[in-house]
Amino acid sequence: MASDAPGGRDEAVAGRFVPLYVLVNGRTSPQDSNLDLATQVIALPADRRRLESEYLNVLDRCGNWISVAELGAYLHLPLTVTKVMVGVLAEQGYLGMGAAAQQIVIDLRLLGSVLAGLERL
């Protein structure tokens, strides 16, 4: 039996009742040009009651730092759509972006020790 959806997949069978382009308002790229597949994201505490279930799925996967590429793989979404959805959630204050390592306070003494050791080489 032929599928009704483009690409050979029936959206209803895949569990997705809203076409992806509707979720991202027809966007083809995120507004934040720094957002790439390696960008790490994490869910921030916020009121989620007004979000569609697809956006809730994104936030549920972002309990810990995760890259945009990993997120797309876990959710079985095209990477372009994942990037746009992450961008929308970040714009609205639902996601923090960066890297987990950026949240660590830098120990200047340790960096000084490493520099001194490198200079001795």
C-alpha atoms as a PDB file:
ATOM      1  CA  MET A   1       0.000   0.000   0.000  1.00  0.00           C
ATOM      2  CA  ALA A   2       1.372   3.400  -0.957  1.00  0.00           C
ATOM      3  CA  SER A   3       1.976   6.020   1.678  1.00  0.00           C
ATOM      4  CA  ASP A   4       0.117   9.326   1.560  1.00  0.00           C
ATOM      5  CA  ALA A   5       3.024  11.368   2.891  1.00  0.00           C
ATOM      6  CA  PRO A   6       5.973  12.594   0.808  1.00  0.00           C
ATOM      7  CA  GLY A   7       9.100  10.546   1.294  1.00  0.00           C
ATOM      8  CA  GLY A   8       7.183   7.302   1.701  1.00  0.00           C
ATOM      9  CA  ARG A   9       6.357   7.667   5.393  1.00  0.00           C
ATOM     10  CA  ASP A  10       2.861   8.078   6.712  1.00  0.00           C
ATOM     11  CA  GLU A  11       3.008  10.843   9.338  1.00  0.00           C
ATOM     12  CA  ALA A  12       0.213   9.328  11.431  1.00  0.00           C
ATOM     13  CA  VAL A  13       1.927   5.936  11.491  1.00  0.00           C
ATOM     14  CA  ALA A  14       5.155   7.587  12.608  1.00  0.00           C
ATOM     15  CA  GLY A  15       3.268   9.094  15.562  1.00  0.00           C
ATOM     16  CA  ARG A  16       3.519  12.635  14.205  1.00  0.00           C
ATOM     17  CA  PHE A  17       0.192  14.274  13.468  1.00  0.00           C
ATOM     18  CA  VAL A  18       1.506  17.793  12.854  1.00  0.00           C
ATOM     19  CA  PRO A  19       3.708  18.245   9.761  1.00  0.00           C
ATOM     20  CA  LEU A  20       7.215  19.278  10.783  1.00  0.00           C
ATOM     21  CA  TYR A  21       7.186  22.448   8.691  1.00  0.00           C
ATOM     22  CA  VAL A  22       4.187  23.659  10.721  1.00  0.00           C
ATOM     23  CA  LEU A  23       6.104  23.211  13.977  1.00  0.00           C
ATOM     24  CA  VAL A  24       8.918  25.414  12.738  1.00  0.00           C
ATOM     25  CA  ASN A  25       6.660  27.948  10.992  1.00  0.00           C
ATOM     26  CA  GLY A  26       8.236  27.162   7.636  1.00  0.00           C
ATOM     27  CA  ARG A  27      11.742  28.132   8.778  1.00  0.00           C
ATOM     28  CA  THR A  28      14.629  26.421   7.063  1.00  0.00           C
ATOM     29  CA  SER A  29      17.386  27.547   9.431  1.00  0.00           C
ATOM     30  CA  PRO A  30      17.633  28.779  13.024  1.00  0.00           C
ATOM     31  CA  GLN A  31      17.841  32.508  13.648  1.00  0.00           C
ATOM     32  CA  ASP A  32      21.003  32.019  15.743  1.00  0.00           C
ATOM     33  CA  SER A  33      23.745  31.508  13.165  1.00  0.00           C
ATOM     34  CA  ASN A  34      26.089  30.116  15.864  1.00  0.00           C
ATOM     35  CA  LEU A  35      23.832  27.101  16.389  1.00  0.00           C
ATOM     36  CA  ASP A  36      25.402  24.039  14.787  1.00  0.00           C
ATOM     37  CA  LEU A  37      25.199  20.276  15.186  1.00  0.00           C
ATOM     38  CA  ALA A  38      27.882  20.241  17.904  1.00  0.00           C
ATOM     39  CA  THR A  39      26.176  22.905  20.037  1.00  0.00           C
ATOM     40  CA  GLN A  40      25.348  21.563  23.484  1.00  0.00           C
ATOM     41  CA  VAL A  41      21.903  22.345  24.927  1.00  0.00           C
ATOM     42  CA  ILE A  42      20.189  21.795  28.261  1.00  0.00           C
ATOM     43  CA  ALA A  43      16.600  22.333  29.408  1.00  0.00           C
ATOM     44  CA  LEU A  44      15.989  25.310  31.685  1.00  0.00           C
ATOM     45  CA  PRO A  45      13.245  25.492  34.295  1.00  0.00           C
ATOM     46  CA  ALA A  46      10.233  27.103  32.630  1.00  0.00           C
ATOM     47  CA  ASP A  47       6.469  26.764  32.303  1.00  0.00           C
ATOM     48  CA  ARG A  48       5.950  24.225  29.506  1.00  0.00           C
ATOM     49  CA  ARG A  49       2.150  24.123  29.436  1.00  0.00           C
ATOM     50  CA  ARG A  50       1.783  26.012  26.142  1.00  0.00           C
ATOM     51  CA  LEU A  51       4.212  23.878  24.134  1.00  0.00           C
ATOM     52  CA  GLU A  52       3.277  21.290  21.527  1.00  0.00           C
ATOM     53  CA  SER A  53       4.169  17.685  22.328  1.00  0.00           C
ATOM     54  CA  GLU A  54       7.036  17.676  19.809  1.00  0.00           C
ATOM     55  CA  TYR A  55       8.708  20.546  21.634  1.00  0.00           C
ATOM     56  CA  LEU A  56       8.086  18.791  24.960  1.00  0.00           C
ATOM     57  CA  ASN A  57       9.872  15.724  23.573  1.00  0.00           C
ATOM     58  CA  VAL A  58      12.888  17.900  22.786  1.00  0.00           C
ATOM     59  CA  LEU A  59      12.935  19.329  26.307  1.00  0.00           C
ATOM     60  CA  ASP A  60      12.513  15.899  27.888  1.00  0.00           C
ATOM     61  CA  ARG A  61      15.691  14.730  26.120  1.00  0.00           C
ATOM     62  CA  CYS A  62      17.619  17.791  27.310  1.00  0.00           C
ATOM     63  CA  GLY A  63      17.712  17.014  31.030  1.00  0.00           C
ATOM     64  CA  ASN A  64      21.505  16.800  30.731  1.00  0.00           C
ATOM     65  CA  TRP A  65      23.812  18.465  28.241  1.00  0.00           C
ATOM     66  CA  ILE A  66      23.290  16.996  24.770  1.00  0.00           C
ATOM     67  CA  SER A  67      24.420  18.027  21.297  1.00  0.00           C
ATOM     68  CA  VAL A  68      21.942  19.050  18.636  1.00  0.00           C
ATOM     69  CA  ALA A  69      23.081  16.106  16.483  1.00  0.00           C
ATOM     70  CA  GLU A  70      22.475  13.596  19.298  1.00  0.00           C
ATOM     71  CA  LEU A  71      19.099  15.135  20.000  1.00  0.00           C
ATOM     72  CA  GLY A  72      18.019  14.736  16.378  1.00  0.00           C
ATOM     73  CA  ALA A  73      19.158  11.111  16.388  1.00  0.00           C
ATOM     74  CA  TYR A  74      17.304  10.263  19.596  1.00  0.00           C
ATOM     75  CA  LEU A  75      14.113  11.927  18.399  1.00  0.00           C
ATOM     76  CA  HIS A  76      14.365  10.589  14.822  1.00  0.00           C
ATOM     77  CA  LEU A  77      14.007  14.097  13.390  1.00  0.00           C
ATOM     78  CA  PRO A  78      15.802  15.607  10.408  1.00  0.00           C
ATOM     79  CA  LEU A  79      18.788  17.634  11.600  1.00  0.00           C
ATOM     80  CA  THR A  80      17.541  20.838   9.965  1.00  0.00           C
ATOM     81  CA  VAL A  81      14.228  20.565  11.808  1.00  0.00           C
ATOM     82  CA  THR A  82      16.035  19.726  15.058  1.00  0.00           C
ATOM     83  CA  LYS A  83      18.241  22.818  14.723  1.00  0.00           C
ATOM     84  CA  VAL A  84      15.254  25.065  14.070  1.00  0.00           C
ATOM     85  CA  MET A  85      13.262  23.594  16.983  1.00  0.00           C
ATOM     86  CA  VAL A  86      16.259  24.006  19.312  1.00  0.00           C
ATOM     87  CA  GLY A  87      16.639  27.582  18.110  1.00  0.00           C
ATOM     88  CA  VAL A  88      12.971  28.325  18.803  1.00  0.00           C
ATOM     89  CA  LEU A  89      13.188  26.821  22.302  1.00  0.00           C
ATOM     90  CA  ALA A  90      16.375  28.762  23.042  1.00  0.00           C
ATOM     91  CA  GLU A  91      14.810  32.029  21.836  1.00  0.00           C
ATOM     92  CA  GLN A  92      11.843  31.450  24.154  1.00  0.00           C
ATOM     93  CA  GLY A  93      14.060  30.662  27.168  1.00  0.00           C
ATOM     94  CA  TYR A  94      13.378  26.928  27.388  1.00  0.00           C
ATOM     95  CA  LEU A  95      16.911  25.820  26.458  1.00  0.00           C
ATOM     96  CA  GLY A  96      20.339  26.989  27.473  1.00  0.00           C
ATOM     97  CA  MET A  97      23.101  26.692  24.879  1.00  0.00           C
ATOM     98  CA  GLY A  98      26.819  26.287  25.199  1.00  0.00           C
ATOM     99  CA  ALA A  99      28.809  23.431  26.631  1.00  0.00           C
ATOM    100  CA  ALA A 100      28.785  21.759  30.011  1.00  0.00           C
ATOM    101  CA  ALA A 101      32.469  22.615  30.367  1.00  0.00           C
ATOM    102  CA  GLN A 102      31.634  26.328  30.055  1.00  0.00           C
ATOM    103  CA  GLN A 103      29.747  26.154  33.330  1.00  0.00           C
ATOM    104  CA  ILE A 104      32.875  25.120  35.310  1.00  0.00           C
ATOM    105  CA  VAL A 105      34.758  27.882  37.119  1.00  0.00           C
ATOM    106  CA  ILE A 106      38.285  28.096  35.765  1.00  0.00           C
ATOM    107  CA  ASP A 107      41.040  27.471  38.316  1.00  0.00           C
ATOM    108  CA  LEU A 108      43.722  30.031  37.418  1.00  0.00           C
ATOM    109  CA  ARG A 109      46.310  28.336  39.651  1.00  0.00           C
ATOM    110  CA  LEU A 110      45.888  25.102  37.707  1.00  0.00           C
ATOM    111  CA  LEU A 111      46.225  26.922  34.395  1.00  0.00           C
ATOM    112  CA  GLY A 112      49.350  28.669  35.709  1.00  0.00           C
ATOM    113  CA  SER A 113      50.831  25.323  36.720  1.00  0.00           C
ATOM    114  CA  VAL A 114      50.127  23.843  33.296  1.00  0.00           C
ATOM    115  CA  LEU A 115      51.688  26.877  31.598  1.00  0.00           C
ATOM    116  CA  ALA A 116      54.768  26.667  33.825  1.00  0.00           C
ATOM    117  CA  GLY A 117      55.114  22.954  33.031  1.00  0.00           C
ATOM    118  CA  LEU A 118      54.837  23.615  29.307  1.00  0.00           C
ATOM    119  CA  GLU A 119      57.469  26.347  29.499  1.00  0.00           C
ATOM    120  CA  ARG A 120      59.898  23.919  31.198  1.00  0.00           C
ATOM    121  CA  LEU A 121      59.679  21.526  28.233  1.00  0.00           C
END
